[in-house]
Amino acid sequence: MQILSVVVVALVGLLSCEAATIYDYISSHNFGDLVRTAGLQDELTNGGPYTLFIASDLYLSRYLESKHTTLAQLKADPVALKEMLLFHIVNGTYAISDLYNEQKLPTLNGGTIRVNDYGLNRVMIQGVRMQSREYHATNGYIHYLYGPIEAANGTVADIVASQSDLSQCLAAVKAAGLEEFLMVQNPITLFAPTDRAFAALGSKMTTLTEKPALLAEVLKYHVVYGTVYSAIAGLTGDLHTFEEEDKIHIRNAFGGPLSGTGSMVVDNAHTVNTGVDMSASNGVVHKIDHVLIPKSLADQL
């Protein structure tokens, strides 16, 4: 009789788990608290089907620390909080097996989030690495991430224009006639040299400004096909660039990062830690501390 009781309890627990909604799964988490504050509890209980990408309490806490904010501060503005949370909710159901590289998923705030699959369990959502946990609720799926995700801040060209330490990069892009290129090419990754990096070129910069065609090719060497977040850097290799004659060599300085904040090495340049993984609507931007010169063009400088 005692064994039968244990079996019945186990079955009841299993059935209740299988009948859980998305909200049921997250209700006891900090993310669930935010959902209640934003008034999205009913949506995640009765709406759908949806796929929710959620940061676990530990990684949400670390993210908030890095942004010098708190849960209380997030909850103080329910309208902005709701917009942020809606960006984590995707229309439709997507299991891990349904995700593929450069896939774009529609979110409830009208935006899109980008999926990148670099192999070796390196699946990224908007530049944030997924954990292996996946839950199937009655109204969709829940996937855990190593942090919250953030919306893209315009195109690659827009991001360059918005960064005060990329003013020389922006000037070079305009001089080479590549501003539209950085707006419409999709998806791309730009390794953007900082102002200090351009200053270090010395007289070579004068040569480049006097030769717009050469400048354009050098800048295209900083642009690779596809969205290359820093999580890929643990996979050392060579990548094709839009300069076409040469490939850049990429690796990670300290091993593979979890959440897309690692230091990448591109040829002889390092990414600047405050400018890694800046998501754009058509790719991603990384700031680097040297201007890259392709071997095939080195004798022209």
Protein backbone atom coordinates (compact mmCIF):
# COMPACT_ATOMS: atom_id res chain seq x y z
CA MET A 1 0.00 0.00 0.00
CA GLN A 2 2.85 2.36 0.87
CA ILE A 3 4.53 1.68 -2.48
CA LEU A 4 1.22 2.30 -4.28
CA SER A 5 0.86 5.67 -2.51
CA VAL A 6 4.35 6.71 -3.59
CA VAL A 7 3.57 5.76 -7.18
CA VAL A 8 0.30 7.74 -7.12
CA VAL A 9 2.05 10.82 -5.72
CA ALA A 10 4.76 10.55 -8.36
CA LEU A 11 2.18 10.26 -11.14
CA VAL A 12 0.23 13.24 -9.84
CA GLY A 13 3.45 15.29 -9.75
CA LEU A 14 4.32 14.20 -13.27
CA LEU A 15 0.88 15.06 -14.59
CA SER A 16 0.90 18.47 -12.90
CA CYS A 17 4.33 19.17 -14.39
CA GLU A 18 3.12 18.22 -17.87
CA ALA A 19 0.10 20.51 -17.46
CA ALA A 20 2.19 23.53 -16.48
CA THR A 21 1.95 26.74 -18.48
CA ILE A 22 4.90 28.97 -19.31
CA TYR A 23 3.99 31.19 -16.39
CA ASP A 24 3.74 28.21 -14.03
CA TYR A 25 7.35 27.30 -14.82
CA ILE A 26 8.72 30.79 -14.14
CA SER A 27 6.36 32.05 -11.41
CA SER A 28 8.82 31.44 -8.57
CA HIS A 29 11.77 33.05 -10.40
CA ASN A 30 12.77 36.70 -10.40
CA PHE A 31 11.76 36.75 -14.05
CA GLY A 32 8.28 35.68 -12.94
CA ASP A 33 8.19 38.61 -10.53
CA LEU A 34 9.01 40.95 -13.41
CA VAL A 35 6.29 39.34 -15.53
CA ARG A 36 3.71 40.03 -12.83
CA THR A 37 4.83 43.66 -12.50
CA ALA A 38 4.57 44.15 -16.27
CA GLY A 39 1.05 42.64 -16.33
CA LEU A 40 2.03 39.70 -18.54
CA GLN A 41 1.00 36.90 -16.18
CA ASP A 42 -2.28 36.21 -17.99
CA GLU A 43 -0.59 36.30 -21.41
CA LEU A 44 1.92 33.64 -20.39
CA THR A 45 -0.82 31.58 -18.75
CA ASN A 46 -3.61 31.68 -21.33
CA GLY A 47 -1.94 33.05 -24.45
CA GLY A 48 0.30 31.45 -26.99
CA PRO A 49 1.73 29.33 -28.26
CA TYR A 50 4.94 31.17 -27.39
CA THR A 51 8.62 30.52 -26.87
CA LEU A 52 10.16 32.31 -23.90
CA PHE A 53 13.90 32.98 -23.60
CA ILE A 54 14.65 33.61 -19.94
CA ALA A 55 17.71 34.44 -17.86
CA SER A 56 17.99 32.34 -14.72
CA ASP A 57 18.10 34.22 -11.39
CA LEU A 58 21.89 33.94 -11.12
CA TYR A 59 22.61 35.37 -14.56
CA LEU A 60 19.87 37.99 -14.32
CA SER A 61 21.52 39.17 -11.09
CA ARG A 62 24.95 39.32 -12.74
CA TYR A 63 23.51 41.24 -15.68
CA LEU A 64 21.84 43.79 -13.41
CA GLU A 65 25.10 44.26 -11.49
CA SER A 66 26.95 44.93 -14.74
CA LYS A 67 24.35 47.56 -15.63
CA HIS A 68 24.48 49.08 -12.13
CA THR A 69 20.76 48.57 -11.62
CA THR A 70 18.41 46.39 -9.56
CA LEU A 71 15.17 44.47 -9.83
CA ALA A 72 13.42 47.25 -7.92
CA GLN A 73 14.59 49.83 -10.44
CA LEU A 74 13.34 47.69 -13.33
CA LYS A 75 9.97 47.30 -11.63
CA ALA A 76 9.71 51.05 -11.06
CA ASP A 77 8.89 51.56 -14.76
CA PRO A 78 6.31 48.90 -15.73
CA VAL A 79 5.90 50.26 -19.28
CA ALA A 80 9.62 49.99 -20.13
CA LEU A 81 9.77 46.67 -18.29
CA LYS A 82 6.92 45.27 -20.38
CA GLU A 83 8.66 46.31 -23.59
CA MET A 84 11.84 44.58 -22.44
CA LEU A 85 10.03 41.38 -21.50
CA LEU A 86 8.03 41.25 -24.73
CA PHE A 87 11.37 41.14 -26.57
CA HIS A 88 12.06 37.83 -24.78
CA ILE A 89 8.79 36.25 -25.97
CA VAL A 90 8.58 34.79 -29.48
CA ASN A 91 5.42 33.96 -31.40
CA GLY A 92 5.21 30.22 -32.04
CA THR A 93 6.91 27.19 -30.54
CA TYR A 94 10.61 26.56 -31.09
CA ALA A 95 12.38 23.59 -29.57
CA ILE A 96 16.18 23.58 -29.55
CA SER A 97 16.08 21.30 -32.59
CA ASP A 98 14.09 23.96 -34.51
CA LEU A 99 16.80 26.62 -34.14
CA TYR A 100 19.44 27.22 -36.82
CA ASN A 101 22.18 29.68 -37.66
CA GLU A 102 21.12 33.21 -38.71
CA GLN A 103 17.45 32.41 -38.03
CA LYS A 104 15.31 35.44 -37.10
CA LEU A 105 12.38 34.98 -34.72
CA PRO A 106 9.43 37.41 -34.33
CA THR A 107 8.95 38.81 -30.82
CA LEU A 108 5.80 40.11 -29.17
CA ASN A 109 7.05 43.70 -29.21
CA GLY A 110 7.18 43.64 -33.01
CA GLY A 111 10.92 43.09 -33.23
CA THR A 112 13.08 40.13 -34.20
CA ILE A 113 15.82 38.25 -32.42
CA ARG A 114 18.68 36.50 -34.15
CA VAL A 115 19.73 32.90 -33.58
CA ASN A 116 23.31 31.78 -34.14
CA ASP A 117 24.44 28.16 -33.98
CA TYR A 118 28.23 27.84 -33.96
CA GLY A 119 28.26 24.12 -33.18
CA LEU A 120 29.66 22.42 -30.07
CA ASN A 121 26.55 23.52 -28.09
CA ARG A 122 27.23 27.18 -28.83
CA VAL A 123 23.73 28.43 -29.63
CA MET A 124 23.27 32.17 -29.23
CA ILE A 125 20.10 34.22 -28.92
CA GLN A 126 20.76 37.86 -29.79
CA GLY A 127 24.38 37.30 -28.79
CA VAL A 128 23.63 35.60 -25.46
CA ARG A 129 24.49 31.95 -25.13
CA MET A 130 21.74 29.42 -24.44
CA GLN A 131 21.94 26.95 -21.60
CA SER A 132 21.03 23.32 -22.30
CA ARG A 133 17.77 23.52 -20.30
CA GLU A 134 14.56 23.34 -22.31
CA TYR A 135 11.03 23.02 -20.92
CA HIS A 136 7.88 22.18 -22.89
CA ALA A 137 4.84 23.91 -21.36
CA THR A 138 1.21 23.54 -22.39
CA ASN A 139 1.43 26.83 -24.30
CA GLY A 140 4.97 26.73 -25.61
CA TYR A 141 8.67 26.35 -24.81
CA ILE A 142 11.03 27.90 -22.27
CA HIS A 143 14.77 28.20 -22.91
CA TYR A 144 17.26 29.45 -20.33
CA LEU A 145 20.04 31.88 -21.27
CA TYR A 146 23.21 33.13 -19.61
CA GLY A 147 21.67 36.59 -19.37
CA PRO A 148 18.83 38.76 -20.71
CA ILE A 149 18.83 39.82 -24.34
CA GLU A 150 18.85 43.36 -25.68
CA ALA A 151 17.34 44.79 -28.85
CA ALA A 152 19.59 45.87 -31.71
CA ASN A 153 20.44 49.58 -31.84
CA GLY A 154 19.95 50.18 -35.56
CA THR A 155 22.15 48.98 -38.41
CA VAL A 156 25.89 48.39 -38.28
CA ALA A 157 26.34 51.88 -39.73
CA ASP A 158 24.09 53.33 -37.01
CA ILE A 159 26.15 51.70 -34.25
CA VAL A 160 29.39 53.10 -35.66
CA ALA A 161 27.82 56.56 -35.81
CA SER A 162 26.60 56.31 -32.21
CA GLN A 163 29.99 55.52 -30.64
CA SER A 164 32.15 58.51 -29.70
CA ASP A 165 35.39 56.51 -29.97
CA LEU A 166 34.57 55.38 -33.52
CA SER A 167 34.48 58.86 -35.06
CA GLN A 168 37.54 58.17 -37.24
CA CYS A 169 36.06 54.86 -38.33
CA LEU A 170 32.85 56.66 -39.32
CA ALA A 171 34.82 59.31 -41.23
CA ALA A 172 36.75 56.58 -43.07
CA VAL A 173 33.54 54.72 -43.91
CA LYS A 174 32.05 57.90 -45.39
CA ALA A 175 35.23 58.76 -47.31
CA ALA A 176 35.27 55.26 -48.82
CA GLY A 177 31.59 55.42 -49.75
CA LEU A 178 30.70 52.42 -47.59
CA GLU A 179 27.99 53.90 -45.36
CA GLU A 180 25.14 52.35 -47.35
CA PHE A 181 27.09 49.07 -47.57
CA LEU A 182 27.08 48.85 -43.76
CA MET A 183 23.36 49.54 -43.72
CA VAL A 184 22.10 47.04 -46.29
CA GLN A 185 24.50 44.08 -46.17
CA ASN A 186 22.93 41.39 -44.00
CA PRO A 187 24.17 39.60 -42.00
CA ILE A 188 27.67 40.99 -41.42
CA THR A 189 30.20 41.46 -38.66
CA LEU A 190 32.29 44.63 -38.47
CA PHE A 191 35.53 44.76 -36.52
CA ALA A 192 35.66 48.54 -36.03
CA PRO A 193 39.01 50.15 -35.18
CA THR A 194 38.80 52.81 -32.48
CA ASP A 195 40.08 56.36 -32.88
CA ARG A 196 43.31 55.36 -31.11
CA ALA A 197 43.76 52.52 -33.59
CA PHE A 198 43.48 54.91 -36.54
CA ALA A 199 45.82 57.41 -34.88
CA ALA A 200 48.45 54.67 -34.55
CA LEU A 201 48.59 54.36 -38.37
CA GLY A 202 50.46 57.66 -38.62
CA SER A 203 51.43 58.51 -42.21
CA LYS A 204 49.66 55.40 -43.51
CA MET A 205 46.37 57.08 -42.68
CA THR A 206 47.28 59.96 -44.98
CA THR A 207 47.94 57.49 -47.79
CA LEU A 208 44.58 55.85 -47.23
CA THR A 209 42.65 59.13 -47.23
CA GLU A 210 44.32 60.06 -50.51
CA LYS A 211 43.28 56.73 -52.08
CA PRO A 212 39.54 56.13 -51.46
CA ALA A 213 39.52 52.86 -53.43
CA LEU A 214 42.37 51.46 -51.32
CA LEU A 215 40.70 52.73 -48.16
CA ALA A 216 37.50 50.94 -49.17
CA GLU A 217 39.31 47.63 -49.60
CA VAL A 218 41.09 47.97 -46.26
CA LEU A 219 37.79 48.71 -44.54
CA LYS A 220 36.10 45.75 -46.28
CA TYR A 221 38.81 43.56 -44.77
CA HIS A 222 37.25 44.45 -41.42
CA VAL A 223 33.87 43.05 -42.49
CA VAL A 224 33.10 39.33 -42.55
CA TYR A 225 30.10 37.40 -43.74
CA GLY A 226 27.60 36.34 -41.09
CA THR A 227 27.07 37.30 -37.48
CA VAL A 228 30.18 36.49 -35.46
CA TYR A 229 29.55 36.94 -31.76
CA SER A 230 32.46 36.49 -29.37
CA ALA A 231 31.26 33.02 -28.38
CA ILE A 232 32.55 31.72 -31.71
CA ALA A 233 36.08 32.80 -30.88
CA GLY A 234 36.86 29.61 -28.99
CA LEU A 235 36.71 28.01 -32.42
CA THR A 236 39.99 29.22 -33.92
CA GLY A 237 39.94 29.68 -37.67
CA ASP A 238 40.05 31.90 -40.75
CA LEU A 239 37.06 33.87 -42.01
CA HIS A 240 36.27 35.27 -45.45
CA THR A 241 36.05 39.05 -45.67
CA PHE A 242 34.43 41.39 -48.17
CA GLU A 243 37.92 42.37 -49.36
CA GLU A 244 37.89 38.86 -50.93
CA GLU A 245 41.61 38.38 -51.49
CA ASP A 246 42.46 37.78 -47.84
CA LYS A 247 41.00 36.03 -44.80
CA ILE A 248 41.22 37.21 -41.21
CA HIS A 249 42.35 34.88 -38.45
CA ILE A 250 40.18 34.83 -35.34
CA ARG A 251 40.64 33.26 -31.93
CA ASN A 252 39.74 33.86 -28.29
CA ALA A 253 42.32 35.24 -25.89
CA PHE A 254 41.12 33.48 -22.76
CA GLY A 255 39.00 30.52 -23.89
CA GLY A 256 35.35 30.42 -24.91
CA PRO A 257 33.04 32.88 -23.15
CA LEU A 258 29.55 31.91 -21.99
CA SER A 259 27.62 35.09 -22.54
CA GLY A 260 29.40 36.86 -25.35
CA THR A 261 31.76 39.10 -23.41
CA GLY A 262 35.09 37.41 -24.06
CA SER A 263 38.20 39.00 -25.56
CA MET A 264 38.67 38.15 -29.22
CA VAL A 265 41.89 38.34 -31.21
CA VAL A 266 41.52 39.22 -34.88
CA ASP A 267 44.84 38.99 -36.72
CA ASN A 268 47.01 41.22 -34.46
CA ALA A 269 44.12 43.19 -32.96
CA HIS A 270 42.22 42.64 -29.72
CA THR A 271 38.61 43.55 -29.15
CA VAL A 272 37.99 46.40 -26.74
CA ASN A 273 36.09 44.92 -23.80
CA THR A 274 33.60 47.78 -23.62
CA GLY A 275 32.69 47.30 -27.27
CA VAL A 276 32.17 43.58 -27.79
CA ASP A 277 28.99 42.08 -29.24
CA MET A 278 27.09 45.25 -30.10
CA SER A 279 24.05 43.80 -31.84
CA ALA A 280 22.75 45.47 -35.00
CA SER A 281 19.66 44.76 -37.07
CA ASN A 282 21.95 43.44 -39.81
CA GLY A 283 24.73 41.89 -37.75
CA VAL A 284 27.14 42.75 -34.95
CA VAL A 285 29.95 45.21 -34.26
CA HIS A 286 33.14 44.71 -32.22
CA LYS A 287 35.58 47.50 -31.42
CA ILE A 288 39.25 46.60 -31.96
CA ASP A 289 42.51 48.27 -30.94
CA HIS A 290 44.37 48.07 -34.28
CA VAL A 291 43.56 48.76 -37.92
CA LEU A 292 43.82 45.50 -39.87
CA ILE A 293 45.90 45.58 -43.06
CA PRO A 294 45.34 42.70 -45.52
CA LYS A 295 48.54 41.08 -46.73
CA SER A 296 47.67 41.58 -50.38
CA LEU A 297 47.49 45.36 -49.89
CA ALA A 298 50.32 45.89 -47.41
CA ASP A 299 52.83 46.99 -50.10
CA GLN A 300 50.51 49.83 -51.15
CA LEU A 301 50.85 51.55 -47.77
